[in-house]
N, C-alpha and C. Protein backbone atom coordinates (compact mmCIF):
# COMPACT_ATOMS: atom_id res chain seq x y z
N MET A 1 -2.05 1.32 -6.14
CA MET A 1 -2.60 0.47 -5.08
C MET A 1 -2.85 1.30 -3.82
N GLN A 2 -4.03 1.20 -3.26
CA GLN A 2 -4.38 1.91 -2.04
C GLN A 2 -3.72 1.25 -0.83
N ALA A 3 -3.61 2.02 0.25
CA ALA A 3 -2.93 1.51 1.45
C ALA A 3 -3.56 0.22 1.96
N LYS A 4 -4.89 0.19 2.03
CA LYS A 4 -5.55 -1.01 2.55
C LYS A 4 -5.30 -2.21 1.64
N GLN A 5 -5.28 -1.98 0.33
CA GLN A 5 -5.00 -3.07 -0.60
C GLN A 5 -3.60 -3.64 -0.36
N TYR A 6 -2.66 -2.73 -0.15
CA TYR A 6 -1.28 -3.17 0.09
C TYR A 6 -1.20 -3.97 1.39
N ILE A 7 -1.82 -3.46 2.43
CA ILE A 7 -1.82 -4.17 3.72
C ILE A 7 -2.46 -5.54 3.58
N ASP A 8 -3.57 -5.60 2.87
CA ASP A 8 -4.25 -6.88 2.67
C ASP A 8 -3.38 -7.86 1.89
N LEU A 9 -2.61 -7.34 0.93
CA LEU A 9 -1.73 -8.21 0.14
C LEU A 9 -0.59 -8.75 0.99
N VAL A 10 -0.05 -7.91 1.87
CA VAL A 10 0.99 -8.38 2.80
C VAL A 10 0.41 -9.48 3.69
N LYS A 11 -0.78 -9.23 4.24
CA LYS A 11 -1.41 -10.21 5.13
C LYS A 11 -1.65 -11.55 4.43
N SER A 12 -2.20 -11.49 3.23
CA SER A 12 -2.52 -12.73 2.52
C SER A 12 -1.25 -13.49 2.13
N THR A 13 -0.18 -12.76 1.84
CA THR A 13 1.09 -13.42 1.51
C THR A 13 1.68 -14.09 2.74
N LEU A 14 1.61 -13.42 3.87
CA LEU A 14 2.09 -14.03 5.12
C LEU A 14 1.28 -15.28 5.44
N ASP A 15 -0.04 -15.21 5.25
CA ASP A 15 -0.90 -16.36 5.52
C ASP A 15 -0.57 -17.55 4.61
N ALA A 16 -0.05 -17.25 3.41
CA ALA A 16 0.23 -18.30 2.43
C ALA A 16 1.62 -18.91 2.57
N LEU A 17 2.44 -18.39 3.50
CA LEU A 17 3.78 -18.95 3.68
C LEU A 17 3.70 -20.41 4.13
N ASP A 18 4.67 -21.18 3.72
CA ASP A 18 4.76 -22.59 4.09
C ASP A 18 5.34 -22.69 5.50
N ALA A 19 4.50 -23.05 6.47
CA ALA A 19 4.93 -23.12 7.87
C ALA A 19 6.04 -24.15 8.06
N ASN A 20 5.98 -25.24 7.32
CA ASN A 20 7.03 -26.27 7.43
C ASN A 20 8.37 -25.74 6.95
N ALA A 21 8.34 -24.93 5.89
CA ALA A 21 9.59 -24.33 5.40
C ALA A 21 10.17 -23.37 6.43
N LEU A 22 9.30 -22.61 7.10
CA LEU A 22 9.77 -21.70 8.14
C LEU A 22 10.42 -22.47 9.29
N GLU A 23 9.81 -23.57 9.70
CA GLU A 23 10.39 -24.39 10.76
C GLU A 23 11.73 -24.98 10.33
N SER A 24 11.81 -25.39 9.07
CA SER A 24 13.08 -25.91 8.55
C SER A 24 14.16 -24.83 8.58
N LEU A 25 13.77 -23.60 8.28
CA LEU A 25 14.72 -22.49 8.31
C LEU A 25 15.21 -22.23 9.72
N VAL A 26 14.29 -22.20 10.68
CA VAL A 26 14.68 -22.01 12.08
C VAL A 26 15.62 -23.13 12.53
N ASP A 27 15.28 -24.36 12.19
CA ASP A 27 16.12 -25.50 12.56
C ASP A 27 17.51 -25.40 11.92
N ALA A 28 17.57 -24.91 10.68
CA ALA A 28 18.86 -24.76 10.00
C ALA A 28 19.72 -23.71 10.70
N PHE A 29 19.11 -22.61 11.14
CA PHE A 29 19.85 -21.61 11.91
C PHE A 29 20.40 -22.23 13.19
N HIS A 30 19.54 -22.97 13.89
CA HIS A 30 19.94 -23.57 15.17
C HIS A 30 21.06 -24.58 14.96
N SER A 31 20.93 -25.41 13.96
CA SER A 31 21.94 -26.42 13.68
C SER A 31 23.28 -25.78 13.32
N THR A 32 23.24 -24.75 12.50
CA THR A 32 24.47 -24.05 12.11
C THR A 32 25.12 -23.40 13.33
N TYR A 33 24.31 -22.80 14.17
CA TYR A 33 24.81 -22.20 15.41
C TYR A 33 25.48 -23.25 16.29
N GLU A 34 24.84 -24.39 16.48
CA GLU A 34 25.38 -25.44 17.35
C GLU A 34 26.69 -25.99 16.79
N LYS A 35 26.81 -26.08 15.48
CA LYS A 35 28.02 -26.60 14.85
C LYS A 35 29.14 -25.57 14.79
N GLY A 36 28.84 -24.32 15.12
CA GLY A 36 29.83 -23.26 15.03
C GLY A 36 30.07 -22.79 13.62
N GLY A 37 29.09 -23.01 12.74
CA GLY A 37 29.23 -22.59 11.36
C GLY A 37 28.89 -21.13 11.15
N ASN A 38 29.25 -20.63 9.99
CA ASN A 38 28.90 -19.28 9.58
C ASN A 38 27.58 -19.29 8.83
N ILE A 39 26.85 -18.18 8.92
CA ILE A 39 25.63 -17.97 8.15
C ILE A 39 25.89 -16.80 7.21
N TYR A 40 25.74 -17.04 5.91
CA TYR A 40 25.98 -16.01 4.91
C TYR A 40 24.66 -15.58 4.28
N THR A 41 24.49 -14.26 4.13
CA THR A 41 23.33 -13.73 3.43
C THR A 41 23.80 -12.91 2.24
N MET A 42 22.94 -12.77 1.25
CA MET A 42 23.31 -11.97 0.07
C MET A 42 22.06 -11.60 -0.71
N GLY A 43 22.15 -10.50 -1.44
CA GLY A 43 21.07 -10.09 -2.32
C GLY A 43 21.45 -8.81 -3.04
N ASN A 44 20.63 -8.39 -3.97
CA ASN A 44 20.84 -7.16 -4.74
C ASN A 44 19.75 -6.16 -4.40
N GLY A 45 20.08 -4.88 -4.37
CA GLY A 45 19.08 -3.85 -4.13
C GLY A 45 18.38 -4.03 -2.80
N GLY A 46 17.05 -4.02 -2.81
CA GLY A 46 16.29 -4.18 -1.57
C GLY A 46 16.56 -5.51 -0.91
N SER A 47 16.79 -6.55 -1.70
CA SER A 47 17.13 -7.86 -1.12
C SER A 47 18.48 -7.80 -0.43
N GLY A 48 19.40 -7.00 -0.98
CA GLY A 48 20.69 -6.81 -0.31
C GLY A 48 20.53 -6.07 1.01
N ALA A 49 19.61 -5.10 1.03
CA ALA A 49 19.34 -4.39 2.28
C ALA A 49 18.76 -5.35 3.33
N SER A 50 17.89 -6.25 2.91
CA SER A 50 17.34 -7.25 3.84
C SER A 50 18.44 -8.18 4.34
N ALA A 51 19.36 -8.56 3.45
CA ALA A 51 20.48 -9.42 3.83
C ALA A 51 21.35 -8.75 4.88
N SER A 52 21.61 -7.46 4.70
CA SER A 52 22.42 -6.70 5.64
C SER A 52 21.69 -6.50 6.97
N HIS A 53 20.41 -6.15 6.89
CA HIS A 53 19.59 -5.95 8.09
C HIS A 53 19.58 -7.22 8.95
N ALA A 54 19.36 -8.36 8.30
CA ALA A 54 19.30 -9.63 9.04
C ALA A 54 20.63 -9.94 9.71
N ALA A 55 21.73 -9.73 8.99
CA ALA A 55 23.04 -10.01 9.57
C ALA A 55 23.30 -9.12 10.77
N GLY A 56 22.90 -7.85 10.68
CA GLY A 56 23.06 -6.95 11.81
C GLY A 56 22.24 -7.37 13.01
N ASP A 57 21.02 -7.85 12.76
CA ASP A 57 20.15 -8.30 13.85
C ASP A 57 20.75 -9.50 14.59
N PHE A 58 21.37 -10.40 13.85
CA PHE A 58 21.93 -11.59 14.49
C PHE A 58 23.29 -11.31 15.11
N LEU A 59 24.04 -10.36 14.58
CA LEU A 59 25.31 -9.98 15.18
C LEU A 59 25.09 -9.40 16.58
N LYS A 60 24.05 -8.59 16.73
CA LYS A 60 23.78 -7.95 18.01
C LYS A 60 22.57 -8.53 18.73
N GLY A 61 21.38 -8.34 18.16
CA GLY A 61 20.15 -8.66 18.88
C GLY A 61 20.02 -10.10 19.30
N ALA A 62 20.29 -11.02 18.37
CA ALA A 62 20.11 -12.44 18.67
C ALA A 62 21.32 -13.04 19.37
N SER A 63 22.40 -12.26 19.52
CA SER A 63 23.63 -12.77 20.13
C SER A 63 23.93 -12.15 21.49
N TYR A 64 23.30 -11.01 21.80
CA TYR A 64 23.63 -10.30 23.03
C TYR A 64 23.38 -11.18 24.25
N GLY A 65 24.38 -11.27 25.11
CA GLY A 65 24.27 -12.04 26.34
C GLY A 65 24.68 -13.50 26.20
N LEU A 66 24.92 -13.96 24.99
CA LEU A 66 25.33 -15.34 24.78
C LEU A 66 26.86 -15.45 24.82
N ASP A 67 27.37 -16.47 25.48
CA ASP A 67 28.81 -16.72 25.42
C ASP A 67 29.21 -17.16 24.02
N LYS A 68 28.38 -17.99 23.43
CA LYS A 68 28.59 -18.42 22.04
C LYS A 68 27.65 -17.62 21.16
N ARG A 69 28.20 -16.90 20.21
CA ARG A 69 27.39 -15.97 19.42
C ARG A 69 27.21 -16.44 17.98
N PHE A 70 26.20 -15.88 17.33
CA PHE A 70 25.98 -16.16 15.92
C PHE A 70 27.08 -15.53 15.07
N LYS A 71 27.51 -16.26 14.06
CA LYS A 71 28.49 -15.74 13.11
C LYS A 71 27.78 -15.58 11.77
N MET A 72 27.22 -14.40 11.58
CA MET A 72 26.40 -14.14 10.39
C MET A 72 27.02 -13.00 9.59
N ILE A 73 27.28 -13.24 8.33
CA ILE A 73 28.02 -12.32 7.48
C ILE A 73 27.21 -12.02 6.23
N CYS A 74 27.04 -10.73 5.94
CA CYS A 74 26.35 -10.32 4.71
C CYS A 74 27.39 -10.10 3.61
N LEU A 75 27.30 -10.86 2.55
CA LEU A 75 28.30 -10.80 1.49
C LEU A 75 28.23 -9.53 0.67
N ASN A 76 27.11 -8.79 0.73
CA ASN A 76 27.05 -7.53 -0.01
C ASN A 76 27.38 -6.32 0.85
N ASP A 77 27.94 -6.54 2.04
CA ASP A 77 28.36 -5.42 2.88
C ASP A 77 29.78 -4.94 2.59
N ASN A 78 30.58 -5.75 1.90
CA ASN A 78 31.97 -5.37 1.59
C ASN A 78 32.01 -4.76 0.20
N LEU A 79 31.76 -3.46 0.13
CA LEU A 79 31.63 -2.79 -1.17
C LEU A 79 32.92 -2.81 -1.98
N PRO A 80 34.10 -2.53 -1.39
CA PRO A 80 35.32 -2.58 -2.21
C PRO A 80 35.56 -3.95 -2.83
N SER A 81 35.33 -5.00 -2.05
CA SER A 81 35.49 -6.36 -2.58
C SER A 81 34.52 -6.62 -3.72
N MET A 82 33.27 -6.23 -3.53
CA MET A 82 32.26 -6.44 -4.58
C MET A 82 32.63 -5.71 -5.86
N MET A 83 33.09 -4.47 -5.73
CA MET A 83 33.43 -3.68 -6.91
C MET A 83 34.65 -4.26 -7.63
N ALA A 84 35.62 -4.73 -6.86
CA ALA A 84 36.81 -5.33 -7.47
C ALA A 84 36.44 -6.59 -8.26
N ILE A 85 35.60 -7.43 -7.65
CA ILE A 85 35.19 -8.66 -8.33
C ILE A 85 34.35 -8.33 -9.56
N ALA A 86 33.42 -7.38 -9.42
CA ALA A 86 32.56 -7.00 -10.55
C ALA A 86 33.39 -6.44 -11.70
N ASN A 87 34.39 -5.63 -11.37
CA ASN A 87 35.21 -4.97 -12.38
C ASN A 87 36.17 -5.93 -13.08
N ASP A 88 36.75 -6.85 -12.31
CA ASP A 88 37.82 -7.70 -12.83
C ASP A 88 37.34 -9.08 -13.29
N ILE A 89 36.22 -9.55 -12.74
CA ILE A 89 35.74 -10.90 -13.06
C ILE A 89 34.34 -10.83 -13.67
N GLY A 90 33.43 -10.18 -12.97
CA GLY A 90 32.06 -10.04 -13.47
C GLY A 90 31.07 -9.96 -12.33
N TRP A 91 29.99 -9.21 -12.56
CA TRP A 91 28.98 -9.00 -11.51
C TRP A 91 28.38 -10.32 -11.03
N GLU A 92 28.29 -11.29 -11.92
CA GLU A 92 27.69 -12.57 -11.56
C GLU A 92 28.53 -13.36 -10.56
N SER A 93 29.76 -12.89 -10.28
CA SER A 93 30.66 -13.61 -9.38
C SER A 93 30.86 -12.92 -8.03
N ILE A 94 30.13 -11.83 -7.76
CA ILE A 94 30.44 -11.04 -6.57
C ILE A 94 30.15 -11.78 -5.26
N PHE A 95 29.29 -12.78 -5.28
CA PHE A 95 28.99 -13.53 -4.06
C PHE A 95 29.72 -14.86 -4.00
N VAL A 96 29.91 -15.49 -5.13
CA VAL A 96 30.57 -16.80 -5.12
C VAL A 96 32.06 -16.68 -4.79
N GLU A 97 32.70 -15.59 -5.21
CA GLU A 97 34.14 -15.46 -4.96
C GLU A 97 34.47 -15.39 -3.46
N PRO A 98 33.79 -14.57 -2.65
CA PRO A 98 34.09 -14.60 -1.21
C PRO A 98 33.75 -15.93 -0.55
N LEU A 99 32.72 -16.62 -1.05
CA LEU A 99 32.42 -17.94 -0.49
C LEU A 99 33.59 -18.90 -0.70
N LYS A 100 34.32 -18.74 -1.79
CA LYS A 100 35.48 -19.59 -2.05
C LYS A 100 36.56 -19.39 -0.99
N ASN A 101 36.58 -18.22 -0.36
CA ASN A 101 37.55 -17.94 0.71
C ASN A 101 37.16 -18.57 2.04
N PHE A 102 35.85 -18.64 2.31
CA PHE A 102 35.40 -18.92 3.67
C PHE A 102 34.57 -20.18 3.86
N LEU A 103 33.86 -20.63 2.85
CA LEU A 103 32.78 -21.60 3.03
C LEU A 103 33.27 -22.95 3.54
N SER A 104 32.50 -23.52 4.49
CA SER A 104 32.73 -24.89 4.94
C SER A 104 31.40 -25.64 4.94
N THR A 105 31.46 -26.94 5.14
CA THR A 105 30.25 -27.76 5.13
C THR A 105 29.35 -27.48 6.33
N LYS A 106 29.87 -26.81 7.35
CA LYS A 106 29.08 -26.47 8.54
C LYS A 106 28.19 -25.25 8.31
N ASP A 107 28.38 -24.57 7.19
CA ASP A 107 27.79 -23.25 7.00
C ASP A 107 26.40 -23.29 6.37
N LEU A 108 25.70 -22.16 6.54
CA LEU A 108 24.37 -21.94 5.97
C LEU A 108 24.46 -20.75 5.03
N VAL A 109 24.01 -20.91 3.81
CA VAL A 109 24.10 -19.86 2.79
C VAL A 109 22.69 -19.48 2.35
N ILE A 110 22.33 -18.21 2.55
CA ILE A 110 20.98 -17.73 2.27
C ILE A 110 21.02 -16.75 1.11
N GLY A 111 20.38 -17.13 0.01
CA GLY A 111 20.28 -16.25 -1.15
C GLY A 111 18.91 -15.61 -1.22
N ILE A 112 18.89 -14.28 -1.32
CA ILE A 112 17.64 -13.53 -1.34
C ILE A 112 17.50 -12.88 -2.72
N SER A 113 16.41 -13.17 -3.40
CA SER A 113 16.18 -12.61 -4.73
C SER A 113 14.68 -12.59 -4.99
N GLY A 114 14.15 -11.40 -5.26
CA GLY A 114 12.71 -11.31 -5.51
C GLY A 114 12.26 -12.24 -6.62
N SER A 115 12.97 -12.21 -7.74
CA SER A 115 12.63 -13.07 -8.87
C SER A 115 13.09 -14.50 -8.67
N GLY A 116 14.13 -14.67 -7.84
CA GLY A 116 14.75 -15.98 -7.69
C GLY A 116 15.73 -16.31 -8.79
N ASN A 117 15.98 -15.34 -9.67
CA ASN A 117 16.82 -15.60 -10.84
C ASN A 117 18.06 -14.71 -10.94
N SER A 118 18.35 -13.93 -9.92
CA SER A 118 19.55 -13.08 -9.96
C SER A 118 20.78 -13.97 -10.11
N LYS A 119 21.53 -13.76 -11.19
CA LYS A 119 22.59 -14.69 -11.55
C LYS A 119 23.67 -14.79 -10.48
N ASN A 120 24.00 -13.67 -9.84
CA ASN A 120 25.05 -13.74 -8.81
C ASN A 120 24.60 -14.54 -7.59
N VAL A 121 23.31 -14.50 -7.29
CA VAL A 121 22.77 -15.30 -6.19
C VAL A 121 22.69 -16.77 -6.59
N VAL A 122 22.22 -17.03 -7.80
CA VAL A 122 22.14 -18.41 -8.30
C VAL A 122 23.52 -19.06 -8.27
N ASN A 123 24.54 -18.35 -8.74
CA ASN A 123 25.90 -18.91 -8.78
C ASN A 123 26.39 -19.25 -7.38
N ALA A 124 26.09 -18.39 -6.41
CA ALA A 124 26.54 -18.65 -5.03
C ALA A 124 25.84 -19.86 -4.44
N ILE A 125 24.54 -19.99 -4.68
CA ILE A 125 23.79 -21.15 -4.18
C ILE A 125 24.31 -22.43 -4.82
N GLU A 126 24.55 -22.40 -6.12
CA GLU A 126 25.07 -23.58 -6.81
C GLU A 126 26.43 -23.99 -6.24
N TYR A 127 27.30 -23.02 -6.01
CA TYR A 127 28.62 -23.33 -5.45
C TYR A 127 28.50 -23.91 -4.05
N ALA A 128 27.66 -23.30 -3.22
CA ALA A 128 27.48 -23.78 -1.84
C ALA A 128 26.94 -25.21 -1.84
N ASN A 129 26.02 -25.50 -2.74
CA ASN A 129 25.52 -26.88 -2.86
C ASN A 129 26.65 -27.84 -3.20
N GLU A 130 27.49 -27.45 -4.15
CA GLU A 130 28.60 -28.30 -4.57
C GLU A 130 29.57 -28.58 -3.42
N GLN A 131 29.70 -27.61 -2.51
CA GLN A 131 30.64 -27.74 -1.40
C GLN A 131 30.02 -28.44 -0.19
N GLY A 132 28.75 -28.78 -0.25
CA GLY A 132 28.10 -29.51 0.83
C GLY A 132 27.54 -28.66 1.94
N ALA A 133 27.43 -27.35 1.72
CA ALA A 133 26.80 -26.47 2.71
C ALA A 133 25.28 -26.56 2.57
N THR A 134 24.57 -26.11 3.61
CA THR A 134 23.11 -26.02 3.55
C THR A 134 22.74 -24.70 2.90
N THR A 135 21.80 -24.72 1.97
CA THR A 135 21.43 -23.50 1.25
C THR A 135 19.95 -23.19 1.44
N VAL A 136 19.65 -21.89 1.40
CA VAL A 136 18.28 -21.40 1.56
C VAL A 136 17.96 -20.44 0.42
N ALA A 137 16.82 -20.62 -0.20
CA ALA A 137 16.29 -19.68 -1.19
C ALA A 137 15.19 -18.87 -0.55
N MET A 138 15.31 -17.54 -0.63
CA MET A 138 14.23 -16.64 -0.23
C MET A 138 13.86 -15.83 -1.46
N SER A 139 12.67 -16.10 -1.99
CA SER A 139 12.26 -15.47 -3.25
C SER A 139 10.81 -15.03 -3.17
N GLY A 140 10.35 -14.40 -4.24
CA GLY A 140 8.95 -14.04 -4.41
C GLY A 140 8.51 -14.47 -5.80
N PHE A 141 7.51 -13.81 -6.34
CA PHE A 141 7.03 -14.09 -7.69
C PHE A 141 6.82 -15.59 -7.89
N LYS A 142 7.45 -16.19 -8.90
CA LYS A 142 7.26 -17.62 -9.17
C LYS A 142 8.35 -18.49 -8.55
N GLY A 143 9.22 -17.88 -7.77
CA GLY A 143 10.27 -18.65 -7.08
C GLY A 143 11.59 -18.68 -7.79
N GLY A 144 11.57 -18.76 -9.10
CA GLY A 144 12.80 -18.70 -9.88
C GLY A 144 13.73 -19.87 -9.67
N LYS A 145 14.96 -19.72 -10.17
CA LYS A 145 15.94 -20.80 -10.17
C LYS A 145 16.35 -21.20 -8.76
N ILE A 146 16.57 -20.23 -7.87
CA ILE A 146 17.08 -20.60 -6.55
C ILE A 146 16.09 -21.45 -5.78
N SER A 147 14.80 -21.26 -6.02
CA SER A 147 13.80 -22.06 -5.30
C SER A 147 13.86 -23.52 -5.72
N GLN A 148 14.41 -23.78 -6.90
CA GLN A 148 14.50 -25.14 -7.41
C GLN A 148 15.77 -25.87 -6.96
N ILE A 149 16.79 -25.11 -6.56
CA ILE A 149 18.09 -25.74 -6.29
C ILE A 149 18.51 -25.69 -4.82
N ALA A 150 17.89 -24.83 -4.01
CA ALA A 150 18.32 -24.69 -2.62
C ALA A 150 17.82 -25.85 -1.76
N THR A 151 18.52 -26.10 -0.67
CA THR A 151 18.12 -27.13 0.29
C THR A 151 16.76 -26.81 0.89
N ILE A 152 16.57 -25.54 1.26
CA ILE A 152 15.34 -25.07 1.89
C ILE A 152 14.79 -23.93 1.04
N ASN A 153 13.51 -24.00 0.72
CA ASN A 153 12.88 -22.98 -0.11
C ASN A 153 11.82 -22.24 0.70
N VAL A 154 12.08 -20.97 0.99
CA VAL A 154 11.12 -20.13 1.71
C VAL A 154 10.62 -19.09 0.72
N HIS A 155 9.45 -19.33 0.17
CA HIS A 155 8.94 -18.57 -0.96
C HIS A 155 7.78 -17.67 -0.53
N ALA A 156 7.88 -16.37 -0.86
CA ALA A 156 6.77 -15.45 -0.66
C ALA A 156 5.93 -15.47 -1.94
N PRO A 157 4.77 -16.13 -1.92
CA PRO A 157 4.00 -16.33 -3.15
C PRO A 157 3.19 -15.09 -3.53
N VAL A 158 3.87 -14.11 -4.11
CA VAL A 158 3.20 -12.86 -4.48
C VAL A 158 3.94 -12.24 -5.66
N MET A 159 3.19 -11.65 -6.58
CA MET A 159 3.78 -11.04 -7.78
C MET A 159 3.98 -9.55 -7.54
N ASP A 160 4.72 -9.22 -6.50
CA ASP A 160 4.93 -7.82 -6.12
C ASP A 160 6.26 -7.73 -5.37
N MET A 161 7.17 -6.90 -5.88
CA MET A 161 8.51 -6.84 -5.29
C MET A 161 8.51 -6.25 -3.88
N GLU A 162 7.74 -5.16 -3.70
CA GLU A 162 7.76 -4.52 -2.38
C GLU A 162 7.18 -5.43 -1.31
N VAL A 163 6.11 -6.11 -1.62
CA VAL A 163 5.53 -7.04 -0.65
C VAL A 163 6.49 -8.20 -0.39
N THR A 164 7.14 -8.68 -1.44
CA THR A 164 8.15 -9.72 -1.26
C THR A 164 9.21 -9.29 -0.26
N GLU A 165 9.72 -8.07 -0.42
CA GLU A 165 10.75 -7.57 0.49
C GLU A 165 10.22 -7.45 1.92
N ASP A 166 8.99 -6.97 2.07
CA ASP A 166 8.39 -6.88 3.41
C ASP A 166 8.31 -8.26 4.06
N VAL A 167 7.84 -9.23 3.31
CA VAL A 167 7.65 -10.58 3.85
C VAL A 167 8.99 -11.21 4.19
N HIS A 168 10.01 -10.97 3.39
CA HIS A 168 11.33 -11.52 3.70
C HIS A 168 11.84 -11.01 5.05
N MET A 169 11.62 -9.74 5.34
CA MET A 169 12.07 -9.23 6.63
C MET A 169 11.24 -9.80 7.78
N VAL A 170 9.96 -10.01 7.56
CA VAL A 170 9.14 -10.68 8.58
C VAL A 170 9.70 -12.07 8.85
N ILE A 171 10.07 -12.78 7.81
CA ILE A 171 10.63 -14.13 7.97
C ILE A 171 11.90 -14.08 8.81
N PHE A 172 12.79 -13.16 8.52
CA PHE A 172 14.02 -13.04 9.31
C PHE A 172 13.70 -12.71 10.77
N ASN A 173 12.70 -11.86 10.99
CA ASN A 173 12.32 -11.52 12.37
C ASN A 173 11.71 -12.72 13.09
N ILE A 174 10.96 -13.54 12.37
CA ILE A 174 10.43 -14.77 12.97
C ILE A 174 11.57 -15.67 13.42
N VAL A 175 12.56 -15.85 12.53
CA VAL A 175 13.70 -16.71 12.87
C VAL A 175 14.46 -16.14 14.06
N LYS A 176 14.67 -14.84 14.05
CA LYS A 176 15.38 -14.19 15.16
C LYS A 176 14.65 -14.42 16.48
N LYS A 177 13.35 -14.18 16.51
CA LYS A 177 12.58 -14.35 17.75
C LYS A 177 12.59 -15.81 18.20
N GLN A 178 12.48 -16.73 17.25
CA GLN A 178 12.50 -18.15 17.60
C GLN A 178 13.85 -18.55 18.18
N MET A 179 14.93 -18.07 17.58
CA MET A 179 16.26 -18.43 18.07
C MET A 179 16.51 -17.82 19.45
N MET A 180 16.09 -16.60 19.65
CA MET A 180 16.26 -15.96 20.96
C MET A 180 15.47 -16.72 22.02
N ALA A 181 14.26 -17.16 21.69
CA ALA A 181 13.45 -17.92 22.65
C ALA A 181 14.11 -19.26 22.97
N ARG A 182 14.65 -19.93 21.97
CA ARG A 182 15.30 -21.22 22.20
C ARG A 182 16.55 -21.09 23.05
N LEU A 183 17.31 -20.03 22.83
CA LEU A 183 18.62 -19.91 23.48
C LEU A 183 18.62 -19.07 24.74
N MET A 184 17.62 -18.14 24.86
CA MET A 184 17.65 -17.19 25.97
C MET A 184 16.35 -17.11 26.75
N GLY A 185 15.33 -17.86 26.35
CA GLY A 185 14.06 -17.77 27.04
C GLY A 185 13.14 -16.74 26.41
N ASP A 186 12.03 -16.47 27.08
CA ASP A 186 10.98 -15.65 26.49
C ASP A 186 11.22 -14.15 26.56
N ASN A 187 12.01 -13.68 27.52
CA ASN A 187 12.21 -12.24 27.67
C ASN A 187 13.70 -11.89 27.73
N PRO A 188 14.42 -12.13 26.65
CA PRO A 188 15.86 -11.86 26.67
C PRO A 188 16.16 -10.37 26.65
N SER A 189 17.27 -10.00 27.25
CA SER A 189 17.73 -8.61 27.20
C SER A 189 18.47 -8.37 25.89
N MET A 190 18.29 -7.17 25.33
CA MET A 190 19.08 -6.78 24.16
C MET A 190 19.99 -5.60 24.51
N GLY A 191 20.30 -5.47 25.82
CA GLY A 191 21.17 -4.40 26.28
C GLY A 191 20.48 -3.52 27.30
N ASP A 192 21.21 -3.06 28.31
CA ASP A 192 20.61 -2.26 29.37
C ASP A 192 19.93 -1.00 28.84
N THR A 193 20.59 -0.31 27.93
CA THR A 193 20.02 0.92 27.38
C THR A 193 18.74 0.63 26.62
N TYR A 194 18.76 -0.44 25.84
CA TYR A 194 17.55 -0.85 25.10
C TYR A 194 16.43 -1.18 26.07
N ASP A 195 16.74 -1.97 27.11
CA ASP A 195 15.71 -2.38 28.06
C ASP A 195 15.09 -1.18 28.77
N GLN A 196 15.91 -0.18 29.11
CA GLN A 196 15.40 1.02 29.77
C GLN A 196 14.53 1.84 28.82
N ARG A 197 14.93 1.86 27.56
CA ARG A 197 14.21 2.66 26.57
C ARG A 197 12.81 2.14 26.31
N ILE A 198 12.64 0.82 26.36
CA ILE A 198 11.32 0.25 26.06
C ILE A 198 10.52 -0.08 27.32
N GLY A 199 11.14 0.04 28.50
CA GLY A 199 10.50 -0.35 29.75
C GLY A 199 9.41 0.60 30.18
């Protein structure tokens, strides 16, 4: 695929996103924040990297300067815990087991899977649903199982893993910018050093 073709595919996928689903996602973040709930992200491979990136952005960027901060935790960031669960119980349980320690009905659980069928993500979404938490599916391709069972379905309608991953990060950045605007106004600071660097 040539560079322009790839760029065009990213653009067309972004244009095809469900705007109502994006608004529902932003509202879910806001509601969870107001209730003092935790936001959990998870994924495998590149989706796991997106889950970690998003959690880092909300820990610092979307929380800086707020007295009340976002509590966002990436379940694939604790490598020793993941390896212990995978070794002793099974890879399909690496996300659901930590949720059993922490999850409450105030929480938001976001499962990221390109195919939508990663078993460890499916299991975590199913458990969160059973416990009364709000769940989000972020998928690509045909949406997969998580798109059918989550409370909110944010689907990147494209048959390409790399574009799916790109679009998922754009979605997280949209949510971050929307939340910062709602809570801090149009030009929030992300730290004196940051402000000087971009000024």
